[in-house]
Amino acid sequence: MNDKANPAKKGDGERKDRLAEALRANLQKRKAQARSRRAGDADERPEGLPTAGKMQKK
């Protein structure tokens, strides 16, 4: 068996940078969402998404 560690791939550092940036953006978005909920403001909805009342069957 080969006990040597696998060498880092060429784009491995770039991938880690992209993942770290996406993680930071997601965390900021979730913190803003939590703050708006504490403040009582409604969450922003993208166009085309129905509200909860429209989704329920009667």
N, C-alpha and C. Protein backbone atom coordinates (compact mmCIF):
# COMPACT_ATOMS: atom_id res chain seq x y z
N MET A 1 0.83 -1.20 0.00
CA MET A 1 0.00 0.00 0.00
C MET A 1 0.87 1.25 0.00
N ASN A 2 0.32 2.29 -0.50
CA ASN A 2 1.06 3.55 -0.58
C ASN A 2 0.66 4.44 0.60
N ASP A 3 1.61 4.78 1.45
CA ASP A 3 1.33 5.58 2.64
C ASP A 3 1.51 7.07 2.41
N LYS A 4 1.89 7.47 1.20
CA LYS A 4 2.12 8.89 0.93
C LYS A 4 0.78 9.62 0.80
N ALA A 5 0.75 10.84 1.26
CA ALA A 5 -0.46 11.66 1.15
C ALA A 5 -0.64 12.09 -0.31
N ASN A 6 -1.88 12.21 -0.72
CA ASN A 6 -2.15 12.67 -2.08
C ASN A 6 -1.75 14.13 -2.21
N PRO A 7 -1.05 14.50 -3.27
CA PRO A 7 -0.69 15.91 -3.46
C PRO A 7 -1.94 16.75 -3.75
N ALA A 8 -1.89 18.00 -3.38
CA ALA A 8 -3.02 18.89 -3.61
C ALA A 8 -3.23 19.08 -5.11
N LYS A 9 -4.48 19.09 -5.51
CA LYS A 9 -4.78 19.29 -6.93
C LYS A 9 -4.54 20.74 -7.30
N LYS A 10 -4.44 20.97 -8.60
CA LYS A 10 -4.10 22.31 -9.10
C LYS A 10 -5.15 23.36 -8.69
N GLY A 11 -6.43 23.04 -8.83
CA GLY A 11 -7.49 24.00 -8.52
C GLY A 11 -8.06 23.86 -7.13
N ASP A 12 -7.40 23.10 -6.27
CA ASP A 12 -7.94 22.85 -4.93
C ASP A 12 -8.05 24.13 -4.12
N GLY A 13 -7.05 25.00 -4.19
CA GLY A 13 -7.08 26.25 -3.45
C GLY A 13 -8.20 27.17 -3.92
N GLU A 14 -8.41 27.21 -5.24
CA GLU A 14 -9.49 28.03 -5.78
C GLU A 14 -10.85 27.53 -5.33
N ARG A 15 -10.99 26.20 -5.31
CA ARG A 15 -12.26 25.61 -4.87
C ARG A 15 -12.54 25.95 -3.42
N LYS A 16 -11.51 25.83 -2.58
CA LYS A 16 -11.69 26.16 -1.17
C LYS A 16 -12.06 27.62 -0.99
N ASP A 17 -11.45 28.50 -1.78
CA ASP A 17 -11.78 29.93 -1.70
C ASP A 17 -13.23 30.17 -2.09
N ARG A 18 -13.68 29.51 -3.17
CA ARG A 18 -15.08 29.68 -3.59
C ARG A 18 -16.04 29.16 -2.54
N LEU A 19 -15.72 27.99 -1.96
CA LEU A 19 -16.59 27.43 -0.93
C LEU A 19 -16.63 28.31 0.31
N ALA A 20 -15.48 28.86 0.69
CA ALA A 20 -15.43 29.74 1.86
C ALA A 20 -16.26 31.00 1.61
N GLU A 21 -16.17 31.55 0.41
CA GLU A 21 -16.94 32.76 0.07
C GLU A 21 -18.44 32.46 0.09
N ALA A 22 -18.83 31.31 -0.47
CA ALA A 22 -20.25 30.93 -0.47
C ALA A 22 -20.75 30.72 0.95
N LEU A 23 -19.93 30.13 1.80
CA LEU A 23 -20.31 29.91 3.19
C LEU A 23 -20.51 31.24 3.91
N ARG A 24 -19.60 32.19 3.70
CA ARG A 24 -19.75 33.51 4.33
C ARG A 24 -21.01 34.22 3.85
N ALA A 25 -21.29 34.15 2.53
CA ALA A 25 -22.48 34.80 1.99
C ALA A 25 -23.75 34.18 2.57
N ASN A 26 -23.76 32.85 2.69
CA ASN A 26 -24.92 32.16 3.24
C ASN A 26 -25.12 32.55 4.70
N LEU A 27 -24.04 32.62 5.45
CA LEU A 27 -24.13 32.98 6.86
C LEU A 27 -24.66 34.40 7.02
N GLN A 28 -24.19 35.34 6.20
CA GLN A 28 -24.67 36.72 6.28
C GLN A 28 -26.16 36.79 5.94
N LYS A 29 -26.58 36.02 4.94
CA LYS A 29 -27.99 36.01 4.55
C LYS A 29 -28.86 35.46 5.69
N ARG A 30 -28.40 34.38 6.31
CA ARG A 30 -29.18 33.79 7.41
C ARG A 30 -29.23 34.70 8.62
N LYS A 31 -28.14 35.41 8.91
CA LYS A 31 -28.15 36.35 10.03
C LYS A 31 -29.11 37.50 9.76
N ALA A 32 -29.11 38.01 8.53
CA ALA A 32 -30.04 39.09 8.18
C ALA A 32 -31.48 38.62 8.29
N GLN A 33 -31.73 37.39 7.88
CA GLN A 33 -33.07 36.83 7.97
C GLN A 33 -33.50 36.71 9.43
N ALA A 34 -32.62 36.25 10.29
CA ALA A 34 -32.94 36.11 11.71
C ALA A 34 -33.19 37.48 12.34
N ARG A 35 -32.38 38.48 11.97
CA ARG A 35 -32.58 39.83 12.51
C ARG A 35 -33.93 40.39 12.07
N SER A 36 -34.30 40.17 10.82
CA SER A 36 -35.58 40.71 10.34
C SER A 36 -36.75 40.02 11.03
N ARG A 37 -36.59 38.74 11.34
CA ARG A 37 -37.67 38.04 12.05
C ARG A 37 -37.81 38.57 13.47
N ARG A 38 -36.68 38.86 14.13
CA ARG A 38 -36.74 39.42 15.48
C ARG A 38 -37.37 40.80 15.45
N ALA A 39 -37.12 41.57 14.38
CA ALA A 39 -37.65 42.92 14.28
C ALA A 39 -39.11 42.91 13.85
N GLY A 40 -39.62 41.78 13.37
CA GLY A 40 -41.01 41.69 12.96
C GLY A 40 -41.24 42.03 11.51
N ASP A 41 -40.16 42.29 10.75
CA ASP A 41 -40.31 42.58 9.33
C ASP A 41 -40.57 41.29 8.57
N ALA A 42 -41.32 41.39 7.50
CA ALA A 42 -41.58 40.22 6.68
C ALA A 42 -40.36 39.88 5.84
N ASP A 43 -40.16 38.59 5.57
CA ASP A 43 -39.08 38.17 4.69
C ASP A 43 -39.40 38.59 3.27
N GLU A 44 -38.37 38.87 2.50
CA GLU A 44 -38.57 39.20 1.10
C GLU A 44 -38.84 37.92 0.33
N ARG A 45 -39.83 37.96 -0.58
CA ARG A 45 -40.17 36.80 -1.38
C ARG A 45 -39.83 37.09 -2.84
N PRO A 46 -39.17 36.15 -3.49
CA PRO A 46 -38.94 36.31 -4.92
C PRO A 46 -40.28 36.30 -5.66
N GLU A 47 -40.34 36.97 -6.77
CA GLU A 47 -41.57 37.00 -7.56
C GLU A 47 -41.94 35.59 -7.98
N GLY A 48 -43.22 35.29 -7.97
CA GLY A 48 -43.69 33.99 -8.42
C GLY A 48 -43.91 33.00 -7.29
N LEU A 49 -43.46 33.28 -6.09
CA LEU A 49 -43.71 32.37 -4.98
C LEU A 49 -45.00 32.77 -4.28
N PRO A 50 -45.93 31.85 -4.13
CA PRO A 50 -47.19 32.20 -3.46
C PRO A 50 -46.99 32.34 -1.96
N THR A 51 -47.88 33.07 -1.33
CA THR A 51 -47.84 33.17 0.12
C THR A 51 -48.40 31.90 0.71
N ALA A 52 -48.23 31.71 2.00
CA ALA A 52 -48.68 30.48 2.66
C ALA A 52 -50.19 30.31 2.54
N GLY A 53 -50.92 31.42 2.60
CA GLY A 53 -52.38 31.33 2.50
C GLY A 53 -52.85 30.81 1.16
N LYS A 54 -52.15 31.14 0.10
CA LYS A 54 -52.52 30.69 -1.23
C LYS A 54 -52.15 29.24 -1.47
N MET A 55 -51.20 28.72 -0.71
CA MET A 55 -50.73 27.36 -0.91
C MET A 55 -51.63 26.34 -0.22
N GLN A 56 -52.38 26.73 0.80
CA GLN A 56 -53.20 25.79 1.55
C GLN A 56 -54.44 25.41 0.74
N LYS A 57 -54.79 24.13 0.83
CA LYS A 57 -56.00 23.65 0.17
C LYS A 57 -57.17 23.90 1.09
N LYS A 58 -58.30 24.24 0.50
CA LYS A 58 -59.52 24.49 1.29
C LYS A 58 -60.55 23.45 1.02
